[in-house]
């Protein structure tokens, strides 16, 4: 999503949007088991930064508005 490079699914991190009363938040799904529409990206902070700058999460996950990406950012920096 961020850098738009192709890679096997085993090398990518699946991202899922989870809804709550405040809107949507992005959650990592490394086990690829969470329900709902998912999007794949490289587990790299630079790829994440590009996706945020391009607002790619909303388009890829078909969300209205800008989702909260705090949990995902924390996961990628670890």
C-alpha atoms as a PDB file:
ATOM      1  CA  UNK A   1       0.000   0.000   0.000  1.00  0.00           C
ATOM      2  CA  UNK A   2       2.656   2.505   0.925  1.00  0.00           C
ATOM      3  CA  UNK A   3       5.544   1.842  -1.411  1.00  0.00           C
ATOM      4  CA  UNK A   4       3.382  -0.090  -3.924  1.00  0.00           C
ATOM      5  CA  UNK A   5       6.078  -2.738  -4.469  1.00  0.00           C
ATOM      6  CA  UNK A   6       4.960  -6.315  -5.028  1.00  0.00           C
ATOM      7  CA  UNK A   7       5.931  -9.077  -2.618  1.00  0.00           C
ATOM      8  CA  UNK A   8       4.648 -12.520  -1.608  1.00  0.00           C
ATOM      9  CA  UNK A   9       1.813 -12.425   0.932  1.00  0.00           C
ATOM     10  CA  UNK A  10       4.051 -14.155   3.481  1.00  0.00           C
ATOM     11  CA  UNK A  11       6.323 -11.067   3.549  1.00  0.00           C
ATOM     12  CA  UNK A  12       3.483  -8.554   3.996  1.00  0.00           C
ATOM     13  CA  UNK A  13       1.566  -7.461   7.082  1.00  0.00           C
ATOM     14  CA  UNK A  14      -2.233  -7.582   6.901  1.00  0.00           C
ATOM     15  CA  UNK A  15      -4.016  -4.472   8.211  1.00  0.00           C
ATOM     16  CA  UNK A  16      -7.668  -4.497   9.345  1.00  0.00           C
ATOM     17  CA  UNK A  17      -9.940  -1.595  10.314  1.00  0.00           C
ATOM     18  CA  UNK A  18     -11.800  -2.145  13.589  1.00  0.00           C
ATOM     19  CA  UNK A  19     -14.832   0.044  14.256  1.00  0.00           C
ATOM     20  CA  UNK A  20     -15.595   1.679  17.598  1.00  0.00           C
ATOM     21  CA  UNK A  21     -17.703   4.604  18.824  1.00  0.00           C
ATOM     22  CA  UNK A  22     -15.029   7.122  17.791  1.00  0.00           C
ATOM     23  CA  UNK A  23     -14.661   5.799  14.231  1.00  0.00           C
ATOM     24  CA  UNK A  24     -12.206   3.253  12.877  1.00  0.00           C
ATOM     25  CA  UNK A  25      -8.764   2.265  14.085  1.00  0.00           C
ATOM     26  CA  UNK A  26      -6.158   0.302  12.153  1.00  0.00           C
ATOM     27  CA  UNK A  27      -4.924  -2.925  13.689  1.00  0.00           C
ATOM     28  CA  UNK A  28      -2.130  -5.242  12.568  1.00  0.00           C
ATOM     29  CA  UNK A  29      -3.173  -8.820  11.829  1.00  0.00           C
ATOM     30  CA  UNK A  30       0.056 -10.833  11.597  1.00  0.00           C
ATOM     31  CA  UNK A  31      -1.826 -14.146  11.975  1.00  0.00           C
ATOM     32  CA  UNK A  32      -4.167 -13.138   9.107  1.00  0.00           C
ATOM     33  CA  UNK A  33      -7.221 -14.306  11.053  1.00  0.00           C
ATOM     34  CA  UNK A  34      -9.235 -11.167  11.919  1.00  0.00           C
ATOM     35  CA  UNK A  35     -12.582 -10.800  10.140  1.00  0.00           C
ATOM     36  CA  UNK A  36     -13.316  -8.093   7.622  1.00  0.00           C
ATOM     37  CA  UNK A  37     -11.655  -6.477   4.681  1.00  0.00           C
ATOM     38  CA  UNK A  38      -7.884  -6.337   4.950  1.00  0.00           C
ATOM     39  CA  UNK A  39      -5.055  -4.563   3.183  1.00  0.00           C
ATOM     40  CA  UNK A  40      -1.422  -5.644   2.900  1.00  0.00           C
ATOM     41  CA  UNK A  41       1.734  -3.612   3.309  1.00  0.00           C
ATOM     42  CA  UNK A  42       5.394  -4.177   4.078  1.00  0.00           C
ATOM     43  CA  UNK A  43       6.065  -4.220   7.840  1.00  0.00           C
ATOM     44  CA  UNK A  44       8.352  -1.212   7.457  1.00  0.00           C
ATOM     45  CA  UNK A  45       7.903   2.231   9.075  1.00  0.00           C
ATOM     46  CA  UNK A  46       8.875   3.945   5.785  1.00  0.00           C
ATOM     47  CA  UNK A  47       6.162   2.086   3.877  1.00  0.00           C
ATOM     48  CA  UNK A  48       3.689   2.988   6.642  1.00  0.00           C
ATOM     49  CA  UNK A  49       4.655   6.682   6.431  1.00  0.00           C
ATOM     50  CA  UNK A  50       4.067   6.693   2.672  1.00  0.00           C
ATOM     51  CA  UNK A  51       0.647   5.060   3.099  1.00  0.00           C
ATOM     52  CA  UNK A  52      -0.363   7.658   5.700  1.00  0.00           C
ATOM     53  CA  UNK A  53       0.857  10.534   3.535  1.00  0.00           C
ATOM     54  CA  UNK A  54      -1.074   9.212   0.508  1.00  0.00           C
ATOM     55  CA  UNK A  55      -4.160   8.380   2.646  1.00  0.00           C
ATOM     56  CA  UNK A  56      -4.065   4.874   1.211  1.00  0.00           C
ATOM     57  CA  UNK A  57      -5.704   3.128   4.188  1.00  0.00           C
ATOM     58  CA  UNK A  58      -9.106   4.716   3.640  1.00  0.00           C
ATOM     59  CA  UNK A  59      -9.160   3.754  -0.026  1.00  0.00           C
ATOM     60  CA  UNK A  60      -7.803   0.230   0.430  1.00  0.00           C
ATOM     61  CA  UNK A  61     -10.160  -0.596   3.297  1.00  0.00           C
ATOM     62  CA  UNK A  62     -13.094   1.351   1.804  1.00  0.00           C
ATOM     63  CA  UNK A  63     -13.544   3.635   4.802  1.00  0.00           C
ATOM     64  CA  UNK A  64     -15.153   7.052   4.968  1.00  0.00           C
ATOM     65  CA  UNK A  65     -12.884   9.483   6.792  1.00  0.00           C
ATOM     66  CA  UNK A  66      -9.394   9.057   8.181  1.00  0.00           C
ATOM     67  CA  UNK A  67      -8.860   6.028  10.461  1.00  0.00           C
ATOM     68  CA  UNK A  68      -6.814   6.228  13.673  1.00  0.00           C
ATOM     69  CA  UNK A  69      -3.382   4.739  12.972  1.00  0.00           C
ATOM     70  CA  UNK A  70      -1.810   4.994  16.458  1.00  0.00           C
ATOM     71  CA  UNK A  71      -1.965   1.271  17.279  1.00  0.00           C
ATOM     72  CA  UNK A  72      -0.479   0.330  13.929  1.00  0.00           C
ATOM     73  CA  UNK A  73       2.316   2.912  14.226  1.00  0.00           C
ATOM     74  CA  UNK A  74       3.211   1.578  17.678  1.00  0.00           C
ATOM     75  CA  UNK A  75       3.282  -1.980  16.373  1.00  0.00           C
ATOM     76  CA  UNK A  76       5.607  -1.083  13.474  1.00  0.00           C
ATOM     77  CA  UNK A  77       8.100   0.810  15.634  1.00  0.00           C
ATOM     78  CA  UNK A  78       8.613  -2.194  17.901  1.00  0.00           C
END
